[in-house]
N, C-alpha and C. Protein backbone atom coordinates (compact mmCIF):
# COMPACT_ATOMS: atom_id res chain seq x y z
N MET A 1 54.88 -35.22 5.23
CA MET A 1 53.44 -34.98 5.36
C MET A 1 53.16 -33.69 6.10
N ARG A 2 54.06 -33.35 7.07
CA ARG A 2 53.85 -32.12 7.82
C ARG A 2 53.98 -30.90 6.93
N ASN A 3 55.00 -30.93 6.03
CA ASN A 3 55.21 -29.77 5.13
C ASN A 3 54.06 -29.63 4.16
N ARG A 4 53.57 -30.75 3.65
CA ARG A 4 52.45 -30.71 2.70
C ARG A 4 51.20 -30.12 3.36
N SER A 5 50.99 -30.50 4.61
CA SER A 5 49.84 -29.97 5.35
C SER A 5 49.91 -28.47 5.46
N ARG A 6 51.11 -27.95 5.76
CA ARG A 6 51.24 -26.50 5.86
C ARG A 6 51.00 -25.82 4.53
N ARG A 7 51.43 -26.47 3.42
CA ARG A 7 51.21 -25.87 2.10
C ARG A 7 49.73 -25.79 1.77
N ILE A 8 48.97 -26.79 2.15
CA ILE A 8 47.52 -26.78 1.89
C ILE A 8 46.86 -25.65 2.63
N VAL A 9 47.25 -25.45 3.87
CA VAL A 9 46.68 -24.36 4.65
C VAL A 9 46.99 -23.03 4.01
N ARG A 10 48.26 -22.86 3.56
CA ARG A 10 48.64 -21.59 2.93
C ARG A 10 47.90 -21.37 1.63
N THR A 11 47.58 -22.44 0.91
CA THR A 11 46.89 -22.32 -0.38
C THR A 11 45.43 -21.91 -0.19
N PHE A 12 44.77 -22.46 0.80
CA PHE A 12 43.33 -22.22 0.96
C PHE A 12 43.01 -21.02 1.84
N SER A 13 43.91 -20.54 2.65
CA SER A 13 43.62 -19.41 3.52
C SER A 13 43.19 -18.16 2.77
N PRO A 14 43.84 -17.75 1.66
CA PRO A 14 43.36 -16.57 0.92
C PRO A 14 41.95 -16.74 0.38
N LEU A 15 41.60 -17.96 -0.05
CA LEU A 15 40.24 -18.20 -0.54
C LEU A 15 39.22 -18.06 0.58
N LEU A 16 39.58 -18.56 1.75
CA LEU A 16 38.68 -18.44 2.90
C LEU A 16 38.48 -16.98 3.28
N LEU A 17 39.57 -16.22 3.28
CA LEU A 17 39.47 -14.79 3.60
C LEU A 17 38.62 -14.05 2.58
N LEU A 18 38.75 -14.42 1.30
CA LEU A 18 37.94 -13.78 0.26
C LEU A 18 36.47 -14.07 0.46
N ALA A 19 36.14 -15.32 0.81
CA ALA A 19 34.74 -15.69 1.04
C ALA A 19 34.17 -14.92 2.22
N LEU A 20 34.96 -14.80 3.28
CA LEU A 20 34.50 -14.06 4.45
C LEU A 20 34.30 -12.59 4.11
N ALA A 21 35.19 -12.04 3.30
CA ALA A 21 35.07 -10.63 2.91
C ALA A 21 33.83 -10.40 2.07
N ILE A 22 33.54 -11.32 1.15
CA ILE A 22 32.35 -11.19 0.31
C ILE A 22 31.09 -11.27 1.16
N GLY A 23 31.08 -12.20 2.12
CA GLY A 23 29.93 -12.33 3.02
C GLY A 23 29.72 -11.09 3.84
N ALA A 24 30.79 -10.53 4.37
CA ALA A 24 30.68 -9.31 5.18
C ALA A 24 30.20 -8.15 4.33
N SER A 25 30.69 -8.06 3.09
CA SER A 25 30.28 -6.98 2.20
C SER A 25 28.80 -7.07 1.88
N SER A 26 28.29 -8.29 1.65
CA SER A 26 26.87 -8.47 1.35
C SER A 26 26.01 -8.06 2.52
N ALA A 27 26.46 -8.38 3.73
CA ALA A 27 25.69 -8.03 4.93
C ALA A 27 25.61 -6.52 5.08
N VAL A 28 26.72 -5.84 4.82
CA VAL A 28 26.72 -4.38 4.94
C VAL A 28 25.84 -3.75 3.88
N ALA A 29 25.81 -4.36 2.67
CA ALA A 29 25.09 -3.77 1.54
C ALA A 29 23.58 -3.96 1.65
N THR A 30 23.09 -4.80 2.54
CA THR A 30 21.66 -5.06 2.67
C THR A 30 21.07 -4.17 3.76
N PRO A 31 20.31 -3.13 3.37
CA PRO A 31 19.77 -2.22 4.39
C PRO A 31 18.59 -2.83 5.12
N ASN A 32 18.35 -2.35 6.31
CA ASN A 32 17.21 -2.78 7.11
C ASN A 32 16.02 -1.87 6.77
N CYS A 33 15.15 -2.35 5.91
CA CYS A 33 13.99 -1.57 5.46
C CYS A 33 12.72 -2.24 5.99
N THR A 34 12.53 -2.21 7.29
CA THR A 34 11.36 -2.81 7.92
C THR A 34 10.59 -1.73 8.66
N VAL A 35 9.28 -1.72 8.49
CA VAL A 35 8.45 -0.71 9.12
C VAL A 35 7.17 -1.35 9.64
N ALA A 36 6.74 -0.92 10.82
CA ALA A 36 5.48 -1.38 11.42
C ALA A 36 4.51 -0.21 11.45
N LEU A 37 3.30 -0.45 11.01
CA LEU A 37 2.26 0.58 10.96
C LEU A 37 1.28 0.36 12.11
N TRP A 38 1.19 1.33 13.01
CA TRP A 38 0.25 1.27 14.13
C TRP A 38 -0.68 2.48 14.03
N GLY A 39 -1.98 2.21 14.00
CA GLY A 39 -2.91 3.32 13.89
C GLY A 39 -4.35 2.85 13.83
N ASP A 40 -5.20 3.73 13.32
CA ASP A 40 -6.64 3.48 13.31
C ASP A 40 -7.13 3.23 11.89
N SER A 41 -8.43 3.48 11.65
CA SER A 41 -9.02 3.17 10.35
C SER A 41 -8.42 3.99 9.21
N ILE A 42 -7.86 5.15 9.50
CA ILE A 42 -7.25 5.95 8.44
C ILE A 42 -6.05 5.20 7.87
N LEU A 43 -5.23 4.63 8.74
CA LEU A 43 -4.06 3.87 8.30
C LEU A 43 -4.46 2.49 7.78
N TYR A 44 -5.56 1.98 8.26
CA TYR A 44 -6.09 0.70 7.78
C TYR A 44 -6.72 0.84 6.39
N GLY A 45 -7.18 2.06 6.09
CA GLY A 45 -7.88 2.28 4.83
C GLY A 45 -9.33 1.87 4.89
N GLY A 46 -9.89 1.85 6.10
CA GLY A 46 -11.25 1.37 6.29
C GLY A 46 -12.25 2.49 6.49
N PHE A 47 -13.51 2.09 6.49
CA PHE A 47 -14.61 3.02 6.75
C PHE A 47 -15.83 2.20 7.10
N GLY A 48 -16.78 2.81 7.77
CA GLY A 48 -17.98 2.08 8.15
C GLY A 48 -17.72 1.12 9.30
N ALA A 49 -18.69 0.29 9.58
CA ALA A 49 -18.64 -0.56 10.77
C ALA A 49 -17.94 -1.89 10.54
N SER A 50 -17.73 -2.28 9.29
CA SER A 50 -17.19 -3.60 9.00
C SER A 50 -15.72 -3.52 8.57
N LEU A 51 -14.92 -4.50 8.99
CA LEU A 51 -13.52 -4.57 8.56
C LEU A 51 -13.38 -4.82 7.07
N THR A 52 -14.44 -5.32 6.45
CA THR A 52 -14.38 -5.57 5.00
C THR A 52 -14.55 -4.30 4.19
N ASN A 53 -15.02 -3.23 4.82
CA ASN A 53 -15.13 -1.95 4.12
C ASN A 53 -13.75 -1.30 4.09
N ARG A 54 -13.12 -1.38 2.94
CA ARG A 54 -11.74 -0.90 2.81
C ARG A 54 -11.53 -0.35 1.41
N ILE A 55 -10.79 0.73 1.29
CA ILE A 55 -10.54 1.28 -0.03
C ILE A 55 -9.73 0.28 -0.86
N LYS A 56 -9.72 0.48 -2.16
CA LYS A 56 -9.14 -0.51 -3.08
C LYS A 56 -7.66 -0.74 -2.79
N GLU A 57 -6.91 0.35 -2.54
CA GLU A 57 -5.49 0.22 -2.22
C GLU A 57 -5.26 0.81 -0.83
N PRO A 58 -5.34 -0.01 0.21
CA PRO A 58 -5.12 0.49 1.57
C PRO A 58 -3.70 1.05 1.72
N PRO A 59 -3.49 1.88 2.73
CA PRO A 59 -2.17 2.49 2.91
C PRO A 59 -1.00 1.53 2.91
N SER A 60 -1.13 0.36 3.54
CA SER A 60 -0.01 -0.58 3.54
C SER A 60 0.34 -1.03 2.12
N ALA A 61 -0.69 -1.27 1.29
CA ALA A 61 -0.45 -1.68 -0.10
C ALA A 61 0.10 -0.52 -0.92
N ALA A 62 -0.43 0.68 -0.70
CA ALA A 62 0.06 1.85 -1.42
C ALA A 62 1.52 2.13 -1.07
N LEU A 63 1.86 1.99 0.20
CA LEU A 63 3.24 2.22 0.61
C LEU A 63 4.18 1.21 -0.02
N LYS A 64 3.77 -0.04 -0.10
CA LYS A 64 4.59 -1.07 -0.74
C LYS A 64 4.80 -0.77 -2.21
N ARG A 65 3.77 -0.25 -2.86
CA ARG A 65 3.89 0.10 -4.28
C ARG A 65 4.84 1.28 -4.47
N ILE A 66 4.70 2.29 -3.59
CA ILE A 66 5.50 3.51 -3.73
C ILE A 66 6.94 3.29 -3.29
N ARG A 67 7.14 2.49 -2.24
CA ARG A 67 8.48 2.21 -1.71
C ARG A 67 8.65 0.69 -1.59
N PRO A 68 8.90 0.01 -2.71
CA PRO A 68 8.90 -1.46 -2.71
C PRO A 68 10.01 -2.09 -1.87
N ALA A 69 11.05 -1.35 -1.52
CA ALA A 69 12.13 -1.94 -0.72
C ALA A 69 11.70 -2.23 0.72
N TRP A 70 10.63 -1.59 1.17
CA TRP A 70 10.22 -1.73 2.57
C TRP A 70 9.42 -3.01 2.79
N THR A 71 9.72 -3.69 3.87
CA THR A 71 8.90 -4.80 4.36
C THR A 71 7.97 -4.23 5.42
N ILE A 72 6.66 -4.41 5.22
CA ILE A 72 5.66 -3.69 6.01
C ILE A 72 4.86 -4.66 6.86
N ALA A 73 4.75 -4.35 8.15
CA ALA A 73 3.85 -5.07 9.05
C ALA A 73 2.74 -4.10 9.45
N ASP A 74 1.51 -4.46 9.15
CA ASP A 74 0.37 -3.56 9.37
C ASP A 74 -0.41 -4.00 10.62
N TYR A 75 -0.32 -3.17 11.66
CA TYR A 75 -1.03 -3.45 12.91
C TYR A 75 -2.18 -2.46 13.15
N SER A 76 -2.56 -1.74 12.11
CA SER A 76 -3.63 -0.75 12.26
C SER A 76 -4.97 -1.45 12.50
N VAL A 77 -5.81 -0.81 13.32
CA VAL A 77 -7.11 -1.37 13.69
C VAL A 77 -8.16 -0.26 13.66
N PRO A 78 -9.22 -0.40 12.88
CA PRO A 78 -10.27 0.61 12.87
C PRO A 78 -10.81 0.86 14.28
N GLY A 79 -11.01 2.13 14.60
CA GLY A 79 -11.54 2.50 15.91
C GLY A 79 -10.50 2.61 16.99
N ASP A 80 -9.24 2.33 16.67
CA ASP A 80 -8.20 2.32 17.70
C ASP A 80 -7.80 3.74 18.09
N SER A 81 -7.19 3.84 19.25
CA SER A 81 -6.71 5.13 19.76
C SER A 81 -5.43 4.89 20.55
N ALA A 82 -4.63 5.93 20.70
CA ALA A 82 -3.41 5.81 21.52
C ALA A 82 -3.79 5.48 22.96
N HIS A 83 -4.83 6.12 23.44
CA HIS A 83 -5.27 5.92 24.82
C HIS A 83 -5.61 4.46 25.10
N LYS A 84 -6.34 3.81 24.18
CA LYS A 84 -6.73 2.42 24.40
C LYS A 84 -5.61 1.43 24.07
N ARG A 85 -4.75 1.80 23.14
CA ARG A 85 -3.73 0.87 22.67
C ARG A 85 -2.51 0.80 23.58
N LEU A 86 -2.19 1.87 24.28
CA LEU A 86 -0.94 1.94 25.04
C LEU A 86 -0.71 0.73 25.96
N PRO A 87 -1.68 0.27 26.77
CA PRO A 87 -1.39 -0.83 27.71
C PRO A 87 -0.89 -2.10 27.03
N THR A 88 -1.40 -2.42 25.84
CA THR A 88 -0.92 -3.62 25.15
C THR A 88 0.27 -3.30 24.24
N PHE A 89 0.35 -2.08 23.76
CA PHE A 89 1.46 -1.69 22.89
C PHE A 89 2.80 -1.89 23.58
N VAL A 90 2.87 -1.52 24.84
CA VAL A 90 4.15 -1.59 25.57
C VAL A 90 4.50 -3.03 25.99
N LEU A 91 3.68 -3.98 25.59
CA LEU A 91 4.00 -5.40 25.82
C LEU A 91 4.43 -6.09 24.53
N GLN A 92 4.38 -5.35 23.41
CA GLN A 92 4.68 -5.94 22.11
C GLN A 92 6.17 -5.90 21.81
N PRO A 93 6.69 -6.94 21.16
CA PRO A 93 8.07 -6.84 20.65
C PRO A 93 8.11 -5.81 19.53
N MET A 94 9.24 -5.19 19.33
CA MET A 94 9.40 -4.16 18.32
C MET A 94 10.51 -4.57 17.35
N PRO A 95 10.24 -5.52 16.46
CA PRO A 95 11.30 -5.99 15.57
C PRO A 95 11.61 -5.05 14.42
N ALA A 96 10.64 -4.21 14.00
CA ALA A 96 10.84 -3.35 12.83
C ALA A 96 11.77 -2.19 13.16
N ARG A 97 12.51 -1.75 12.17
CA ARG A 97 13.43 -0.62 12.34
C ARG A 97 12.67 0.68 12.60
N VAL A 98 11.54 0.86 11.89
CA VAL A 98 10.75 2.09 11.99
C VAL A 98 9.35 1.73 12.46
N VAL A 99 8.81 2.53 13.37
CA VAL A 99 7.46 2.32 13.88
C VAL A 99 6.65 3.59 13.61
N VAL A 100 5.63 3.47 12.78
CA VAL A 100 4.76 4.59 12.45
C VAL A 100 3.61 4.62 13.44
N LEU A 101 3.40 5.79 14.05
CA LEU A 101 2.32 5.98 15.03
C LEU A 101 1.30 6.95 14.45
N GLN A 102 0.18 6.42 14.02
CA GLN A 102 -0.88 7.23 13.42
C GLN A 102 -2.10 7.15 14.33
N TYR A 103 -2.05 7.88 15.40
CA TYR A 103 -3.16 7.91 16.35
C TYR A 103 -3.58 9.35 16.59
N GLY A 104 -4.80 9.52 17.06
CA GLY A 104 -5.26 10.85 17.42
C GLY A 104 -6.69 11.14 17.02
N ILE A 105 -7.14 10.58 15.90
CA ILE A 105 -8.50 10.86 15.43
C ILE A 105 -9.53 10.37 16.45
N ASN A 106 -9.42 9.14 16.88
CA ASN A 106 -10.38 8.61 17.86
C ASN A 106 -10.12 9.15 19.26
N ASP A 107 -8.85 9.50 19.55
CA ASP A 107 -8.56 10.16 20.82
C ASP A 107 -9.27 11.51 20.88
N ALA A 108 -9.18 12.27 19.78
CA ALA A 108 -9.84 13.58 19.73
C ALA A 108 -11.36 13.44 19.77
N GLY A 109 -11.88 12.47 19.02
CA GLY A 109 -13.32 12.29 18.97
C GLY A 109 -13.94 11.89 20.30
N ASN A 110 -13.10 11.28 21.16
CA ASN A 110 -13.60 10.83 22.47
C ASN A 110 -13.03 11.63 23.64
N SER A 111 -12.27 12.67 23.32
CA SER A 111 -11.63 13.51 24.35
C SER A 111 -10.74 12.69 25.28
N TYR A 112 -10.07 11.68 24.72
CA TYR A 112 -9.16 10.87 25.52
C TYR A 112 -7.90 11.66 25.88
N ARG A 113 -7.21 11.20 26.92
CA ARG A 113 -5.92 11.80 27.30
C ARG A 113 -4.87 11.30 26.31
N TYR A 114 -4.64 12.10 25.29
CA TYR A 114 -3.83 11.70 24.14
C TYR A 114 -2.33 11.83 24.39
N GLU A 115 -1.92 12.93 24.96
CA GLU A 115 -0.49 13.20 25.08
C GLU A 115 0.27 12.13 25.87
N PRO A 116 -0.16 11.76 27.09
CA PRO A 116 0.62 10.75 27.81
C PRO A 116 0.66 9.41 27.09
N ALA A 117 -0.42 9.07 26.39
CA ALA A 117 -0.45 7.79 25.67
C ALA A 117 0.52 7.82 24.49
N LEU A 118 0.48 8.88 23.70
CA LEU A 118 1.38 8.98 22.55
C LEU A 118 2.83 9.05 22.99
N ARG A 119 3.09 9.82 24.03
CA ARG A 119 4.45 9.94 24.54
C ARG A 119 4.95 8.58 25.08
N GLY A 120 4.06 7.85 25.74
CA GLY A 120 4.44 6.53 26.24
C GLY A 120 4.81 5.58 25.12
N MET A 121 4.09 5.67 24.00
CA MET A 121 4.41 4.83 22.85
C MET A 121 5.79 5.17 22.29
N VAL A 122 6.04 6.46 22.12
CA VAL A 122 7.33 6.89 21.58
C VAL A 122 8.46 6.45 22.50
N ASP A 123 8.28 6.62 23.80
CA ASP A 123 9.31 6.23 24.76
C ASP A 123 9.59 4.73 24.68
N TYR A 124 8.55 3.94 24.51
CA TYR A 124 8.73 2.49 24.44
C TYR A 124 9.49 2.11 23.17
N VAL A 125 9.15 2.74 22.05
CA VAL A 125 9.85 2.46 20.79
C VAL A 125 11.33 2.85 20.90
N GLN A 126 11.58 4.00 21.49
CA GLN A 126 12.96 4.45 21.64
C GLN A 126 13.75 3.53 22.57
N ALA A 127 13.11 3.07 23.63
CA ALA A 127 13.78 2.16 24.56
C ALA A 127 14.15 0.85 23.88
N ALA A 128 13.38 0.49 22.84
CA ALA A 128 13.68 -0.72 22.08
C ALA A 128 14.76 -0.48 21.03
N GLY A 129 15.25 0.75 20.94
CA GLY A 129 16.30 1.08 19.98
C GLY A 129 15.78 1.27 18.57
N LYS A 130 14.49 1.57 18.42
CA LYS A 130 13.88 1.75 17.11
C LYS A 130 13.55 3.22 16.88
N THR A 131 13.09 3.52 15.66
CA THR A 131 12.80 4.89 15.26
C THR A 131 11.30 5.08 15.07
N SER A 132 10.75 6.12 15.67
CA SER A 132 9.32 6.44 15.51
C SER A 132 9.10 7.50 14.44
N ILE A 133 7.97 7.41 13.79
CA ILE A 133 7.43 8.50 12.97
C ILE A 133 6.01 8.76 13.45
N ILE A 134 5.72 9.99 13.86
CA ILE A 134 4.36 10.38 14.22
C ILE A 134 3.75 11.06 13.01
N THR A 135 2.59 10.57 12.59
CA THR A 135 1.99 11.13 11.37
C THR A 135 1.27 12.46 11.63
N GLY A 136 0.75 12.64 12.85
CA GLY A 136 -0.20 13.72 13.07
C GLY A 136 -1.57 13.28 12.57
N LEU A 137 -2.55 14.16 12.72
CA LEU A 137 -3.94 13.82 12.38
C LEU A 137 -4.28 14.28 10.97
N SER A 138 -4.88 13.40 10.20
CA SER A 138 -5.39 13.78 8.89
C SER A 138 -6.57 14.74 9.06
N GLN A 139 -6.94 15.39 7.97
CA GLN A 139 -8.03 16.36 8.01
C GLN A 139 -9.39 15.66 8.01
N VAL A 140 -10.38 16.32 8.57
CA VAL A 140 -11.77 15.85 8.54
C VAL A 140 -12.64 16.99 8.01
N LYS A 141 -13.88 16.67 7.69
CA LYS A 141 -14.77 17.72 7.19
C LYS A 141 -15.04 18.77 8.26
N ALA A 142 -15.29 19.97 7.83
CA ALA A 142 -15.41 21.13 8.72
C ALA A 142 -16.39 20.86 9.87
N ASP A 143 -15.97 21.25 11.06
CA ASP A 143 -16.78 21.18 12.28
C ASP A 143 -17.12 19.76 12.73
N ARG A 144 -16.56 18.76 12.06
CA ARG A 144 -16.88 17.39 12.44
C ARG A 144 -16.19 16.98 13.74
N MET A 145 -14.99 17.56 13.99
CA MET A 145 -14.20 17.15 15.14
C MET A 145 -13.51 18.38 15.72
N PRO A 146 -14.16 19.08 16.65
CA PRO A 146 -13.63 20.36 17.16
C PRO A 146 -12.24 20.26 17.78
N LEU A 147 -11.87 19.10 18.31
CA LEU A 147 -10.58 18.96 18.99
C LEU A 147 -9.44 18.53 18.05
N ARG A 148 -9.73 18.34 16.76
CA ARG A 148 -8.69 17.85 15.85
C ARG A 148 -7.45 18.73 15.85
N GLU A 149 -7.63 20.03 15.74
CA GLU A 149 -6.48 20.95 15.68
C GLU A 149 -5.64 20.86 16.95
N ASP A 150 -6.31 20.82 18.10
CA ASP A 150 -5.58 20.74 19.37
C ASP A 150 -4.79 19.44 19.48
N TYR A 151 -5.40 18.35 19.08
CA TYR A 151 -4.72 17.06 19.18
C TYR A 151 -3.59 16.96 18.16
N ASN A 152 -3.78 17.56 17.00
CA ASN A 152 -2.70 17.57 16.01
C ASN A 152 -1.52 18.39 16.51
N ALA A 153 -1.81 19.51 17.16
CA ALA A 153 -0.74 20.33 17.74
C ALA A 153 -0.01 19.55 18.83
N THR A 154 -0.74 18.76 19.59
CA THR A 154 -0.12 17.92 20.61
C THR A 154 0.82 16.90 19.97
N ALA A 155 0.37 16.28 18.88
CA ALA A 155 1.20 15.29 18.19
C ALA A 155 2.50 15.94 17.69
N ARG A 156 2.39 17.14 17.15
CA ARG A 156 3.56 17.85 16.66
C ARG A 156 4.52 18.15 17.82
N ARG A 157 3.98 18.60 18.93
CA ARG A 157 4.81 18.97 20.08
C ARG A 157 5.50 17.74 20.67
N VAL A 158 4.78 16.63 20.78
CA VAL A 158 5.39 15.41 21.29
C VAL A 158 6.55 14.97 20.39
N ALA A 159 6.34 15.05 19.07
CA ALA A 159 7.40 14.69 18.14
C ALA A 159 8.63 15.58 18.33
N GLN A 160 8.39 16.88 18.49
CA GLN A 160 9.50 17.82 18.71
C GLN A 160 10.25 17.50 19.99
N GLU A 161 9.51 17.35 21.06
CA GLU A 161 10.13 17.16 22.37
C GLU A 161 10.81 15.80 22.50
N GLU A 162 10.29 14.81 21.80
CA GLU A 162 10.87 13.47 21.87
C GLU A 162 11.96 13.27 20.81
N GLY A 163 12.09 14.24 19.92
CA GLY A 163 13.13 14.14 18.90
C GLY A 163 12.85 13.12 17.82
N VAL A 164 11.57 12.97 17.45
CA VAL A 164 11.21 12.03 16.38
C VAL A 164 10.58 12.80 15.22
N LEU A 165 10.52 12.14 14.08
CA LEU A 165 10.05 12.78 12.86
C LEU A 165 8.52 12.95 12.90
N PHE A 166 8.07 14.12 12.46
CA PHE A 166 6.64 14.41 12.37
C PHE A 166 6.29 14.49 10.89
N ALA A 167 5.45 13.56 10.40
CA ALA A 167 5.13 13.51 8.98
C ALA A 167 4.16 14.61 8.54
N ASP A 168 3.43 15.19 9.50
CA ASP A 168 2.53 16.32 9.24
C ASP A 168 1.43 15.99 8.23
N TRP A 169 0.66 14.97 8.54
CA TRP A 169 -0.45 14.61 7.67
C TRP A 169 -1.49 15.73 7.55
N GLY A 170 -1.57 16.58 8.55
CA GLY A 170 -2.53 17.67 8.47
C GLY A 170 -2.22 18.67 7.39
N ALA A 171 -0.97 18.69 6.89
CA ALA A 171 -0.57 19.63 5.84
C ALA A 171 -0.77 19.06 4.44
N VAL A 172 -1.17 17.82 4.32
CA VAL A 172 -1.40 17.21 3.01
C VAL A 172 -2.65 17.81 2.38
N ARG A 173 -2.57 18.04 1.08
CA ARG A 173 -3.70 18.69 0.38
C ARG A 173 -5.00 17.94 0.66
N PHE A 174 -6.01 18.70 1.07
CA PHE A 174 -7.28 18.12 1.49
C PHE A 174 -8.42 18.70 0.66
N ASP A 175 -9.28 17.81 0.19
CA ASP A 175 -10.48 18.21 -0.54
C ASP A 175 -11.65 17.42 0.05
N PRO A 176 -12.66 18.09 0.58
CA PRO A 176 -13.80 17.36 1.17
C PRO A 176 -14.44 16.36 0.22
N ALA A 177 -14.28 16.60 -1.09
CA ALA A 177 -14.84 15.66 -2.05
C ALA A 177 -14.10 14.32 -2.05
N ASP A 178 -12.91 14.30 -1.47
CA ASP A 178 -12.11 13.08 -1.43
C ASP A 178 -12.36 12.25 -0.17
N MET A 179 -13.54 12.39 0.40
CA MET A 179 -13.85 11.66 1.63
C MET A 179 -15.00 10.69 1.42
N VAL A 180 -14.90 9.52 2.06
CA VAL A 180 -16.00 8.56 2.06
C VAL A 180 -17.14 9.10 2.90
N ASP A 181 -16.77 9.73 4.03
CA ASP A 181 -17.73 10.32 4.96
C ASP A 181 -17.05 11.53 5.59
N ASP A 182 -17.43 11.91 6.78
CA ASP A 182 -16.84 13.10 7.40
C ASP A 182 -15.39 12.90 7.82
N ILE A 183 -14.97 11.67 8.02
CA ILE A 183 -13.67 11.40 8.64
C ILE A 183 -12.74 10.56 7.77
N HIS A 184 -13.28 9.64 6.98
CA HIS A 184 -12.46 8.63 6.31
C HIS A 184 -12.15 9.00 4.85
N PRO A 185 -10.88 8.95 4.48
CA PRO A 185 -10.49 9.32 3.12
C PRO A 185 -10.92 8.30 2.07
N GLN A 186 -11.29 8.81 0.90
CA GLN A 186 -11.35 7.97 -0.27
C GLN A 186 -9.93 7.78 -0.79
N GLN A 187 -9.81 7.03 -1.90
CA GLN A 187 -8.49 6.66 -2.39
C GLN A 187 -7.55 7.83 -2.67
N PRO A 188 -7.98 8.89 -3.36
CA PRO A 188 -7.00 9.94 -3.69
C PRO A 188 -6.36 10.59 -2.46
N TYR A 189 -7.17 10.91 -1.46
CA TYR A 189 -6.62 11.54 -0.26
C TYR A 189 -5.76 10.57 0.53
N SER A 190 -6.21 9.32 0.63
CA SER A 190 -5.43 8.30 1.33
C SER A 190 -4.06 8.13 0.68
N THR A 191 -4.04 8.10 -0.64
CA THR A 191 -2.76 7.94 -1.34
C THR A 191 -1.85 9.14 -1.11
N ARG A 192 -2.41 10.33 -1.06
CA ARG A 192 -1.57 11.50 -0.77
C ARG A 192 -0.98 11.42 0.64
N LEU A 193 -1.75 10.93 1.58
CA LEU A 193 -1.22 10.75 2.94
C LEU A 193 -0.06 9.75 2.94
N VAL A 194 -0.21 8.67 2.21
CA VAL A 194 0.85 7.66 2.14
C VAL A 194 2.10 8.24 1.47
N GLU A 195 1.90 9.04 0.45
CA GLU A 195 3.05 9.67 -0.22
C GLU A 195 3.83 10.55 0.75
N ARG A 196 3.12 11.25 1.64
CA ARG A 196 3.79 12.06 2.65
C ARG A 196 4.55 11.16 3.64
N LEU A 197 3.95 10.05 4.01
CA LEU A 197 4.63 9.10 4.89
C LEU A 197 5.89 8.54 4.22
N ALA A 198 5.81 8.26 2.92
CA ALA A 198 6.97 7.74 2.19
C ALA A 198 8.13 8.73 2.23
N LEU A 199 7.84 10.02 2.15
CA LEU A 199 8.89 11.04 2.23
C LEU A 199 9.55 11.04 3.60
N ALA A 200 8.74 10.82 4.64
CA ALA A 200 9.30 10.73 5.99
C ALA A 200 10.20 9.51 6.11
N LEU A 201 9.79 8.38 5.55
CA LEU A 201 10.63 7.18 5.57
C LEU A 201 11.94 7.42 4.82
N ASP A 202 11.89 8.20 3.74
CA ASP A 202 13.11 8.52 3.00
C ASP A 202 14.10 9.28 3.88
N GLN A 203 13.58 10.13 4.76
CA GLN A 203 14.47 10.86 5.66
C GLN A 203 15.12 9.94 6.69
N VAL A 204 14.34 8.99 7.18
CA VAL A 204 14.87 8.06 8.17
C VAL A 204 15.87 7.10 7.55
N ALA A 205 15.56 6.61 6.36
CA ALA A 205 16.39 5.57 5.74
C ALA A 205 16.52 5.84 4.24
N PRO A 206 17.34 6.80 3.83
CA PRO A 206 17.48 7.11 2.41
C PRO A 206 17.95 5.92 1.59
N GLU A 207 18.66 4.98 2.23
CA GLU A 207 19.13 3.81 1.50
C GLU A 207 18.00 2.88 1.09
N CYS A 208 16.80 3.07 1.66
CA CYS A 208 15.64 2.25 1.32
C CYS A 208 14.75 2.91 0.26
N ALA A 209 15.09 4.13 -0.13
CA ALA A 209 14.31 4.86 -1.13
C ALA A 209 14.70 4.40 -2.53
N PRO A 210 13.82 4.61 -3.53
CA PRO A 210 14.23 4.33 -4.90
C PRO A 210 15.46 5.16 -5.26
N ARG A 211 16.24 4.69 -6.20
CA ARG A 211 17.51 5.34 -6.53
C ARG A 211 17.32 6.81 -6.90
N ALA A 212 16.25 7.12 -7.62
CA ALA A 212 16.02 8.50 -8.03
C ALA A 212 15.79 9.42 -6.86
N LYS A 213 15.37 8.86 -5.71
CA LYS A 213 15.08 9.66 -4.51
C LYS A 213 16.29 9.84 -3.62
N ARG A 214 17.36 9.10 -3.88
CA ARG A 214 18.52 9.16 -3.01
C ARG A 214 19.43 10.33 -3.36
N GLY A 215 20.34 10.62 -2.44
CA GLY A 215 21.34 11.64 -2.71
C GLY A 215 20.92 13.01 -2.25
């Protein structure tokens, strides 16, 4: 009986090793494509005073369509700012691999202290071992927000100094006709902003991009 027992172990050990190898291979082959969106009404796709006022395909939905491999958590809130969000942001768990920070429009509109708040957010994300993407500020109609350029430059500088990716939303093609009002994009401009964000995500995680985008 002792010899038979040893033979059974020898027979099944290779099968067990093969199963373990297949399991390990599957785990390695599954990329972590999780992203959290933090921002204001531009990232929410909203306009006006009501949360129900939203473009047909909000940025979170557009991003899912453009980059279907990503699992998206949308924490954007109309009217939000880095200055107001920071105290609660640094108490939140950060489970997503990538954290998008789209703040600055309301900070600029209210002359809030933007840099320390944005930098604090980036530092918190990095301390959690995650990756930040700073979008920068989208464009607004002429003379609507005199501090937009300064705050966008601040966002770029924080990204540089903190070593995180800057998506440069301010460089996306802008047409005043593509706006709901002075500040909020209609669908075409919003979609172009999301497309720029998708390119930034491709840089962070090329394995999460469509096959044609890889390599």
